Protein backbone atom coordinates (compact mmCIF):
# COMPACT_ATOMS: atom_id res chain seq x y z
CA MET A 1 0.17 -0.03 0.06
CA ARG A 2 1.51 3.52 -1.02
CA TYR A 3 0.86 6.05 1.82
CA LEU A 4 0.89 10.11 0.88
CA THR A 5 4.40 11.03 0.81
CA GLN A 6 6.10 14.59 -0.63
CA GLU A 7 6.84 12.50 -3.92
CA TRP A 8 3.09 11.43 -4.20
CA TYR A 9 1.58 15.35 -3.59
CA GLU A 10 4.57 16.73 -6.05
CA LEU A 11 2.86 14.15 -8.53
CA CYS A 12 -0.51 15.71 -7.65
CA GLN A 13 0.38 19.12 -8.52
CA ARG A 14 1.43 18.55 -11.81
CA ARG A 15 -2.03 17.34 -12.58
CA GLY A 16 -3.97 19.48 -15.20
CA LEU A 17 -0.92 20.95 -16.78
CA HIS A 18 -2.65 20.87 -20.20
CA PHE A 19 -5.98 22.50 -18.79
CA GLY A 20 -6.68 26.06 -20.69
CA LYS A 21 -4.29 25.29 -23.39
CA SER A 22 -4.24 25.60 -27.24
CA VAL A 23 -1.99 24.19 -29.38
CA HIS A 24 -0.18 27.35 -31.70
CA SER A 25 2.22 26.64 -34.53
CA GLY A 26 4.11 29.73 -33.76
CA ALA A 27 5.14 28.18 -29.95
CA ALA A 28 7.39 25.60 -30.99
CA THR A 29 9.86 28.68 -31.40
CA SER A 30 10.86 31.77 -29.14
CA ASP A 31 8.84 34.73 -31.40
CA GLU A 32 8.62 38.18 -29.47
CA ALA A 33 6.28 39.64 -32.16
CA LEU A 34 4.10 36.41 -31.66
CA TYR A 35 4.32 36.74 -27.82
CA THR A 36 3.65 40.41 -27.85
CA ARG A 37 0.48 39.90 -30.13
CA LEU A 38 -0.74 36.85 -27.63
CA TYR A 39 -0.18 38.98 -24.57
CA ALA A 40 -1.88 41.87 -25.71
CA LYS A 41 -5.36 39.24 -26.82
CA LYS A 42 -4.76 37.76 -23.47
CA GLU A 43 -4.69 41.34 -21.82
CA LYS A 44 -7.50 42.51 -23.35
CA GLU A 45 -9.40 39.65 -22.27
CA TYR A 46 -8.51 40.03 -18.56
CA GLU A 47 -9.16 43.45 -19.09
CA LYS A 48 -12.87 42.67 -20.57
CA GLN A 49 -13.35 40.59 -17.72
CA GLU A 50 -12.58 42.29 -15.08
CA ARG A 51 -14.74 45.23 -16.43
CA ASP A 52 -17.47 42.96 -16.82
CA PHE A 53 -17.48 42.06 -12.92
CA TYR A 54 -16.70 45.63 -11.67
CA VAL A 55 -20.07 47.01 -13.59
CA VAL A 56 -22.11 44.53 -11.69
CA ASP A 57 -24.63 46.99 -9.90
CA PRO A 58 -25.59 44.80 -6.53
CA LEU A 59 -29.06 46.44 -7.10
CA PHE A 60 -30.16 42.82 -8.31
CA MET A 61 -29.40 41.21 -5.15
CA LEU A 62 -32.57 43.24 -3.63
CA GLU A 63 -34.72 41.36 -6.01
CA GLN A 64 -34.26 37.78 -3.63
CA ASP A 65 -36.56 39.28 -0.88
CA GLY A 66 -39.97 38.10 -1.56
CA ALA A 67 -38.99 35.08 -4.16
CA GLU A 68 -40.82 31.93 -4.39
CA LEU A 69 -39.05 29.01 -3.57
CA VAL A 70 -40.02 25.42 -3.95
CA PRO A 71 -38.26 22.33 -2.73
CA ALA A 72 -36.34 20.27 -5.52
CA ARG A 73 -37.33 17.16 -5.12
CA LYS A 74 -40.74 18.10 -6.14
CA LEU A 75 -39.85 20.81 -8.89
CA PHE A 76 -37.76 17.75 -10.36
CA GLY A 77 -39.44 14.77 -9.30
CA GLY A 78 -42.33 15.51 -11.15
CA GLU A 79 -45.06 16.12 -8.17
CA GLU A 80 -47.55 18.01 -7.88
CA ILE A 81 -46.79 21.30 -6.14
CA LYS A 82 -49.34 22.52 -3.66
CA GLU A 83 -49.89 25.72 -2.25
CA GLU A 84 -48.11 24.65 1.21
CA ASP A 85 -45.40 23.44 -0.37
CA ILE A 86 -44.27 27.13 -1.82
CA LEU A 87 -41.68 29.07 0.78
CA ILE A 88 -41.84 33.03 0.30
CA TYR A 89 -38.00 34.07 1.34
CA GLN A 90 -37.99 36.93 3.59
CA MET A 91 -34.63 38.89 3.59
CA PRO A 92 -33.45 39.60 7.35
CA PRO A 93 -33.25 43.17 7.75
CA GLU A 94 -29.43 43.28 8.59
CA GLU A 95 -28.73 41.43 4.95
CA ARG A 96 -31.23 44.12 3.49
CA LEU A 97 -28.79 46.69 5.24
CA TRP A 98 -26.01 45.15 3.77
CA ILE A 99 -26.77 44.72 0.31
CA LYS A 100 -27.97 48.99 0.68
CA LYS A 101 -24.22 49.98 1.78
CA LEU A 102 -23.21 47.92 -1.34
CA ILE A 103 -25.15 49.94 -3.39
CA ALA A 104 -24.25 53.14 -2.39
CA ASP A 105 -20.54 52.09 -1.84
CA TYR A 106 -21.12 51.25 -5.79
CA ASP A 107 -22.69 54.61 -6.86
CA VAL A 108 -19.64 56.90 -5.59
CA ARG A 109 -16.99 54.33 -6.93
CA PRO A 110 -14.48 55.67 -9.53
CA ALA A 111 -14.79 54.54 -12.93
CA PHE A 112 -12.97 51.40 -14.11
CA ASP A 113 -9.12 52.06 -13.81
CA VAL A 114 -7.86 50.22 -17.18
CA ILE A 115 -4.03 51.08 -16.14
CA SER A 116 -4.66 49.46 -12.66
CA SER A 117 -5.90 46.59 -14.50
CA LYS A 118 -3.28 45.89 -17.06
CA GLN A 119 -0.41 46.14 -13.81
CA LYS A 120 -2.51 43.58 -12.61
CA PHE A 121 -2.47 41.23 -15.55
CA LYS A 122 1.54 41.85 -15.96
CA GLU A 123 1.91 40.66 -12.33
CA ILE A 124 -0.38 37.89 -12.74
CA HIS A 125 1.51 37.19 -15.50
CA ASP A 126 5.04 37.37 -14.20
CA TRP A 127 4.39 34.96 -11.50
CA SER A 128 2.50 32.33 -13.29
CA CYS A 129 5.84 32.49 -15.64
CA ILE A 130 7.92 31.38 -12.64
CA GLU A 131 5.29 28.89 -11.20
CA GLU A 132 4.35 26.94 -14.51
CA ALA A 133 8.49 26.49 -14.93
CA ALA A 134 8.47 25.31 -11.33
CA ARG A 135 5.81 22.79 -11.59
CA LEU A 136 6.30 21.09 -15.19
CA PRO A 137 8.54 18.17 -15.16
CA GLU A 138 12.16 18.54 -16.77
CA GLU A 139 11.29 16.97 -19.94
CA LEU A 140 8.72 19.47 -21.03
CA VAL A 141 10.30 22.36 -19.72
CA GLU A 142 13.09 21.60 -22.33
CA GLN A 143 10.17 21.25 -24.99
CA VAL A 144 8.35 24.73 -24.07
CA ALA A 145 10.78 27.00 -26.48
CA ASP A 146 9.04 30.20 -24.49
CA ILE A 147 7.33 29.58 -21.08
CA ARG A 148 5.89 33.09 -21.67
CA ILE A 149 3.79 32.00 -24.45
CA PHE A 150 3.08 28.64 -22.53
CA THR A 151 1.54 30.40 -19.92
CA LEU A 152 -0.49 32.32 -21.64
CA GLY A 153 -2.07 29.35 -22.87
CA TYR A 154 -0.42 27.82 -25.75
CA CYS A 155 1.90 25.18 -26.77
CA THR A 156 2.84 22.79 -29.24
CA LYS A 157 0.78 20.01 -30.14
CA GLU A 158 3.69 17.31 -28.61
CA VAL A 159 3.94 18.71 -25.54
CA LEU A 160 0.27 19.09 -24.93
CA ARG A 161 -0.09 15.45 -25.52
């Protein structure tokens, strides 16, 4: 019987290295122009994701108050839903106050900071480059032409396999 060891833990940390990776023909060589183009693309995706999260108005949370709840076993089981099965959610006053505070903070917040978002992406990318190189097995590190492109999510077909 094998026991959980440091070696076992390290092997488990290497699982899923292929998640989110795409095959790119240019990943076989170290090309600065390709890296710049792919970096700009991923940076723009990250900025859009951050902006989408930033503009979510917490007002939607108040819509939960007074919502009708039905037991899942009745809803998915095909059983008849009776009037006594329906529960009406009543939001506690402290939750309502917390949501109203979120709404007030949302109304006075500054505009989305693109420069800060780009800086954050750069920091995440730089850290990821170091982490990916440390996590990858030696034989894969030797096959990766540019760890920066690999960190952005692109690699060769051989590396992905």
